[in-house]
N, C-alpha and C. Protein backbone atom coordinates (compact mmCIF):
# COMPACT_ATOMS: atom_id res chain seq x y z
N UNK A 1 80.47 126.00 105.48
CA UNK A 1 81.81 125.78 105.72
C UNK A 1 82.11 124.46 106.25
N UNK A 2 83.44 124.06 106.27
CA UNK A 2 83.83 122.70 106.76
C UNK A 2 85.04 122.90 107.61
N UNK A 3 85.32 121.74 108.40
CA UNK A 3 86.53 121.84 109.15
C UNK A 3 86.99 120.46 109.25
N UNK A 4 88.36 120.33 109.56
CA UNK A 4 88.94 118.94 109.75
C UNK A 4 89.57 119.02 111.15
N UNK A 5 89.17 117.87 111.87
CA UNK A 5 89.76 117.75 113.31
C UNK A 5 90.55 116.43 113.25
N UNK A 6 91.84 116.77 113.70
CA UNK A 6 92.79 115.57 113.80
C UNK A 6 92.86 115.05 115.22
N UNK A 7 93.24 113.81 115.30
CA UNK A 7 93.53 113.16 116.77
C UNK A 7 94.58 112.11 116.50
N UNK A 8 95.19 111.74 117.53
CA UNK A 8 96.32 110.83 117.47
C UNK A 8 97.58 111.52 117.50
N UNK A 9 98.64 110.84 117.17
CA UNK A 9 100.00 111.37 117.27
C UNK A 9 100.53 111.14 118.67
N UNK A 10 101.70 111.82 118.76
CA UNK A 10 102.33 111.54 120.16
C UNK A 10 103.77 111.11 119.97
N UNK A 11 104.46 110.60 121.02
CA UNK A 11 105.80 110.18 121.03
C UNK A 11 105.85 108.64 121.18
N UNK A 12 106.82 108.17 120.35
CA UNK A 12 107.09 106.74 120.25
C UNK A 12 108.54 106.33 120.02
N UNK A 13 108.96 105.23 120.42
CA UNK A 13 110.31 104.84 120.09
C UNK A 13 110.33 104.30 118.70
N UNK A 14 111.47 104.33 118.13
CA UNK A 14 111.70 103.84 116.78
C UNK A 14 111.34 102.40 116.72
N UNK A 15 110.63 101.97 115.57
CA UNK A 15 110.01 100.61 115.51
C UNK A 15 108.61 100.55 115.94
N UNK A 16 108.09 101.52 116.61
CA UNK A 16 106.76 101.54 117.11
C UNK A 16 105.77 101.97 116.20
N UNK A 17 104.42 102.06 116.67
CA UNK A 17 103.40 102.39 115.70
C UNK A 17 102.50 103.57 116.38
N UNK A 18 101.87 104.28 115.49
CA UNK A 18 100.91 105.33 115.86
C UNK A 18 99.84 105.30 114.78
N UNK A 19 98.67 105.73 115.21
CA UNK A 19 97.49 105.94 114.33
C UNK A 19 96.94 107.30 114.40
N UNK A 20 96.94 107.99 113.27
CA UNK A 20 96.23 109.33 113.20
C UNK A 20 94.84 109.18 112.52
N UNK A 21 93.96 110.14 113.15
CA UNK A 21 92.66 110.20 112.51
C UNK A 21 92.25 111.65 112.30
N UNK A 22 91.48 111.89 111.31
CA UNK A 22 91.01 113.16 110.87
C UNK A 22 89.56 113.12 110.40
N UNK A 23 88.75 113.82 111.03
CA UNK A 23 87.31 113.77 110.72
C UNK A 23 86.88 115.07 109.99
N UNK A 24 86.19 115.05 108.89
CA UNK A 24 85.72 116.15 108.25
C UNK A 24 84.25 116.40 108.82
N UNK A 25 83.87 117.67 109.09
CA UNK A 25 82.49 117.93 109.55
C UNK A 25 82.17 119.30 109.10
N UNK A 26 80.89 119.63 109.26
CA UNK A 26 80.32 120.88 108.78
C UNK A 26 79.34 120.68 107.71
N UNK A 27 79.04 121.76 106.94
CA UNK A 27 78.09 121.67 105.87
C UNK A 27 78.58 121.09 104.62
N UNK A 28 78.77 119.77 104.65
CA UNK A 28 79.52 119.08 103.56
C UNK A 28 78.56 118.33 102.63
N UNK A 29 78.72 118.63 101.43
CA UNK A 29 78.02 117.85 100.32
C UNK A 29 78.85 116.55 100.02
N UNK A 30 80.03 116.76 99.82
CA UNK A 30 80.84 115.70 99.42
C UNK A 30 82.39 115.82 99.83
N UNK A 31 83.04 114.86 100.16
CA UNK A 31 84.46 114.95 100.39
C UNK A 31 85.16 114.16 99.17
N UNK A 32 86.01 114.82 98.47
CA UNK A 32 86.78 114.11 97.44
C UNK A 32 88.09 113.50 98.04
N UNK A 33 89.14 113.90 97.59
CA UNK A 33 90.46 113.30 98.01
C UNK A 33 90.80 113.77 99.45
N UNK A 34 91.19 112.91 100.29
CA UNK A 34 91.72 113.15 101.58
C UNK A 34 93.22 112.65 101.71
N UNK A 35 93.99 113.26 102.48
CA UNK A 35 95.29 112.93 102.56
C UNK A 35 96.14 113.45 103.84
N UNK A 36 97.22 113.00 104.01
CA UNK A 36 98.15 113.46 105.07
C UNK A 36 99.40 114.05 104.57
N UNK A 37 99.92 115.16 105.10
CA UNK A 37 101.08 115.84 104.68
C UNK A 37 101.92 115.86 106.01
N UNK A 38 103.16 116.11 105.89
CA UNK A 38 104.00 116.33 107.10
C UNK A 38 105.01 117.46 106.86
N UNK A 39 105.37 118.05 107.86
CA UNK A 39 106.49 119.10 107.73
C UNK A 39 107.43 118.93 108.97
N UNK A 40 108.58 118.69 108.65
CA UNK A 40 109.73 118.62 109.65
C UNK A 40 110.30 119.88 109.74
N UNK A 41 110.94 120.28 110.92
CA UNK A 41 111.53 121.53 111.14
C UNK A 41 112.65 121.78 110.09
N UNK A 42 112.63 122.99 109.39
CA UNK A 42 113.39 123.39 108.45
C UNK A 42 113.23 122.85 107.10
N UNK A 43 112.16 122.02 106.87
CA UNK A 43 111.81 121.39 105.66
C UNK A 43 110.50 121.84 105.01
N UNK A 44 110.39 121.59 103.79
CA UNK A 44 108.98 121.85 103.24
C UNK A 44 107.91 120.78 103.56
N UNK A 45 106.83 121.14 103.54
CA UNK A 45 105.60 120.31 103.76
C UNK A 45 105.60 119.27 102.53
N UNK A 46 105.41 118.08 102.88
CA UNK A 46 105.46 116.92 101.88
C UNK A 46 104.26 116.09 101.98
N UNK A 47 103.75 115.42 100.87
CA UNK A 47 102.66 114.53 100.88
C UNK A 47 103.21 113.27 101.48
N UNK A 48 102.37 112.68 102.37
CA UNK A 48 102.81 111.38 102.93
C UNK A 48 101.88 110.35 102.32
N UNK A 49 100.60 110.54 102.10
CA UNK A 49 99.71 109.57 101.53
C UNK A 49 98.44 110.24 101.24
N UNK A 50 97.70 109.71 100.14
CA UNK A 50 96.49 110.25 99.85
C UNK A 50 95.44 109.17 99.42
N UNK A 51 94.19 109.46 99.60
CA UNK A 51 93.22 108.40 99.24
C UNK A 51 92.08 109.17 98.50
N UNK A 52 91.64 108.66 97.41
CA UNK A 52 90.45 109.24 96.62
C UNK A 52 89.16 108.75 97.00
N UNK A 53 88.19 109.29 96.57
CA UNK A 53 86.80 108.83 96.90
C UNK A 53 86.64 107.42 96.35
N UNK A 54 87.32 106.98 95.41
CA UNK A 54 87.09 105.61 94.93
C UNK A 54 88.01 104.65 95.67
N UNK A 55 88.76 105.15 96.65
CA UNK A 55 89.54 104.23 97.50
C UNK A 55 90.95 104.03 96.96
N UNK A 56 91.29 104.47 95.81
CA UNK A 56 92.58 104.46 95.25
C UNK A 56 93.53 105.19 96.20
N UNK A 57 94.77 104.81 96.34
CA UNK A 57 95.75 105.45 97.21
C UNK A 57 97.04 105.64 96.54
N UNK A 58 97.84 106.60 97.20
CA UNK A 58 99.24 106.86 96.75
C UNK A 58 100.03 107.14 98.08
N UNK A 59 101.36 106.84 97.98
CA UNK A 59 102.24 106.99 99.00
C UNK A 59 103.51 107.68 98.69
N UNK A 60 104.13 108.39 99.59
CA UNK A 60 105.51 108.77 99.35
C UNK A 60 106.42 107.63 99.41
N UNK A 61 107.49 107.56 98.65
CA UNK A 61 108.32 106.35 98.63
C UNK A 61 108.90 106.12 99.86
N UNK A 62 109.15 107.14 100.74
CA UNK A 62 109.70 106.87 102.04
C UNK A 62 108.85 106.24 103.07
N UNK A 63 107.59 106.12 102.81
CA UNK A 63 106.65 105.47 103.72
C UNK A 63 105.90 104.19 103.25
N UNK A 64 106.21 103.77 101.92
CA UNK A 64 105.57 102.77 101.35
C UNK A 64 106.03 101.43 102.17
N UNK A 65 105.10 100.61 102.40
CA UNK A 65 105.24 99.35 103.16
C UNK A 65 105.23 99.47 104.57
N UNK A 66 105.13 100.83 105.02
CA UNK A 66 105.12 101.05 106.53
C UNK A 66 103.85 101.74 106.93
N UNK A 67 103.44 102.76 106.14
CA UNK A 67 102.17 103.42 106.44
C UNK A 67 100.99 102.98 105.63
N UNK A 68 99.88 103.05 106.21
CA UNK A 68 98.59 102.65 105.44
C UNK A 68 97.58 103.72 105.67
N UNK A 69 97.02 104.31 104.58
CA UNK A 69 95.98 105.27 104.58
C UNK A 69 94.60 104.49 104.41
N UNK A 70 93.61 104.82 105.13
CA UNK A 70 92.28 104.20 104.92
C UNK A 70 91.22 105.37 105.21
N UNK A 71 90.09 105.04 104.87
CA UNK A 71 89.00 105.95 104.90
C UNK A 71 87.67 105.34 105.20
N UNK A 72 86.88 106.05 106.08
CA UNK A 72 85.50 105.66 106.31
C UNK A 72 84.59 106.80 106.19
N UNK A 73 83.97 106.93 105.06
CA UNK A 73 83.19 108.13 104.80
C UNK A 73 83.95 109.45 104.77
N UNK A 74 83.72 110.29 105.82
CA UNK A 74 84.53 111.54 105.82
C UNK A 74 85.55 111.53 106.92
N UNK A 75 86.10 110.39 107.27
CA UNK A 75 87.15 110.30 108.21
C UNK A 75 88.33 109.48 107.50
N UNK A 76 89.46 110.02 107.66
CA UNK A 76 90.62 109.43 107.09
C UNK A 76 91.57 108.96 108.30
N UNK A 77 92.31 107.89 108.07
CA UNK A 77 93.12 107.39 109.08
C UNK A 77 94.60 107.12 108.40
N UNK A 78 95.46 107.21 109.32
CA UNK A 78 96.93 106.90 108.96
C UNK A 78 97.53 106.00 109.92
N UNK A 79 97.62 104.68 109.50
CA UNK A 79 98.32 103.83 110.37
C UNK A 79 99.80 103.78 110.12
N UNK A 80 100.58 104.17 111.06
CA UNK A 80 102.07 104.22 110.85
C UNK A 80 102.76 103.21 111.72
N UNK A 81 103.45 102.30 110.96
CA UNK A 81 104.24 101.17 111.68
C UNK A 81 105.58 101.29 111.25
N UNK A 82 106.45 100.65 112.05
CA UNK A 82 107.92 100.60 111.90
C UNK A 82 108.44 102.08 111.81
N UNK A 83 108.01 102.80 112.75
CA UNK A 83 108.40 104.27 112.69
C UNK A 83 109.93 104.48 112.80
N UNK A 84 110.37 105.56 112.04
CA UNK A 84 111.78 105.91 112.14
C UNK A 84 111.88 107.29 112.67
N UNK A 85 113.06 107.64 113.12
CA UNK A 85 113.29 108.98 113.63
C UNK A 85 113.03 110.02 112.64
N UNK A 86 113.28 109.59 111.31
CA UNK A 86 113.03 110.61 110.24
C UNK A 86 111.60 110.85 109.97
N UNK A 87 110.80 110.13 110.55
CA UNK A 87 109.24 110.31 110.43
C UNK A 87 108.76 111.43 111.42
N UNK A 88 109.64 111.89 112.27
CA UNK A 88 109.28 112.99 113.18
C UNK A 88 108.96 114.26 112.39
N UNK A 89 107.73 114.66 112.71
CA UNK A 89 107.22 115.94 111.92
C UNK A 89 105.85 116.27 112.54
N UNK A 90 105.42 117.36 112.05
CA UNK A 90 104.02 117.90 112.28
C UNK A 90 103.20 117.31 111.12
N UNK A 91 102.22 116.41 111.46
CA UNK A 91 101.36 115.89 110.39
C UNK A 91 100.14 116.58 110.22
N UNK A 92 99.75 116.87 108.96
CA UNK A 92 98.47 117.58 108.75
C UNK A 92 97.65 116.82 107.85
N UNK A 93 96.32 116.93 108.13
CA UNK A 93 95.32 116.31 107.36
C UNK A 93 94.85 117.34 106.31
N UNK A 94 94.59 116.87 105.07
CA UNK A 94 94.09 117.74 104.06
C UNK A 94 92.93 117.13 103.34
N UNK A 95 92.06 117.92 102.94
CA UNK A 95 90.75 117.27 102.16
C UNK A 95 90.30 118.30 101.13
N UNK A 96 89.83 117.78 100.10
CA UNK A 96 89.13 118.40 99.16
C UNK A 96 87.66 118.32 99.27
N UNK A 97 86.95 119.43 99.62
CA UNK A 97 85.57 119.29 100.19
C UNK A 97 84.71 120.13 99.27
N UNK A 98 83.50 119.53 98.92
CA UNK A 98 82.40 120.23 98.32
C UNK A 98 81.40 120.63 99.37
N UNK A 99 81.19 121.82 99.56
CA UNK A 99 80.22 122.28 100.70
C UNK A 99 78.72 122.17 100.17
N UNK A 100 77.80 122.46 101.02
CA UNK A 100 76.42 122.43 100.65
C UNK A 100 76.00 123.48 99.64
N UNK A 101 76.92 124.53 99.64
CA UNK A 101 76.73 125.63 98.62
C UNK A 101 77.31 125.28 97.31
N UNK A 102 77.84 123.99 97.21
CA UNK A 102 78.56 123.47 96.00
C UNK A 102 79.83 124.23 95.65
N UNK A 103 80.42 124.78 96.69
CA UNK A 103 81.65 125.33 96.53
C UNK A 103 82.87 124.42 96.95
N UNK A 104 83.80 124.18 96.13
CA UNK A 104 84.91 123.28 96.38
C UNK A 104 86.08 124.02 96.88
N UNK A 105 86.72 123.43 97.96
CA UNK A 105 87.90 124.04 98.45
C UNK A 105 88.79 123.05 99.18
N UNK A 106 90.03 123.37 99.27
CA UNK A 106 90.92 122.55 100.05
C UNK A 106 90.89 123.01 101.48
N UNK A 107 90.93 122.15 102.48
CA UNK A 107 90.86 122.33 103.86
C UNK A 107 92.10 121.58 104.53
N UNK A 108 92.51 122.25 105.62
CA UNK A 108 93.65 121.72 106.45
C UNK A 108 93.25 121.57 107.89
N UNK A 109 93.76 120.43 108.39
CA UNK A 109 93.64 120.34 109.89
C UNK A 109 94.59 121.21 110.57
N UNK A 110 94.60 121.15 111.95
CA UNK A 110 95.39 121.94 112.75
C UNK A 110 96.79 121.41 112.86
N UNK A 111 96.98 120.24 112.56
CA UNK A 111 98.24 119.62 112.76
C UNK A 111 98.41 118.79 113.98
N UNK A 112 99.01 117.66 113.97
CA UNK A 112 99.40 116.91 115.19
C UNK A 112 100.87 116.43 115.11
N UNK A 113 101.50 116.48 116.21
CA UNK A 113 102.90 116.27 116.32
C UNK A 113 103.13 114.74 116.47
N UNK A 114 104.11 114.14 115.70
CA UNK A 114 104.60 112.84 115.84
C UNK A 114 106.03 112.93 116.03
N UNK A 115 106.56 112.26 117.22
CA UNK A 115 107.94 112.38 117.56
C UNK A 115 108.39 110.92 117.74
N UNK A 116 109.47 110.50 116.99
CA UNK A 116 110.04 109.26 117.06
C UNK A 116 111.45 109.33 117.59
N UNK A 117 111.66 108.70 118.68
CA UNK A 117 113.00 108.75 119.25
C UNK A 117 113.76 107.45 118.91
N UNK A 118 115.08 107.64 118.59
CA UNK A 118 115.84 106.45 118.20
C UNK A 118 116.60 105.88 119.38
């Protein structure tokens, strides 16, 4: 089995920055795509950014130019700059993991709150 553990998040004023981290651990053979999703109250969960094993990335239009996703082996980061009130949400890490039993599955972190005050 595998698990994702997130850190970072918190409260910041508009225009500020935060950095989220998410580490995959357990009986891992390989981690494929990793990414960050967010869910604001009353809204559906949405993709914020993703990064593949080859390093290619994709971003939601709403965060392009402000957020940067990066990866170091089995840890993924989300650098969030120029934060806006509308970025307030519960942020979840997601990863596509192949375990030592060669079983592939999608895993989620526990979520970390980001609150941006205007």
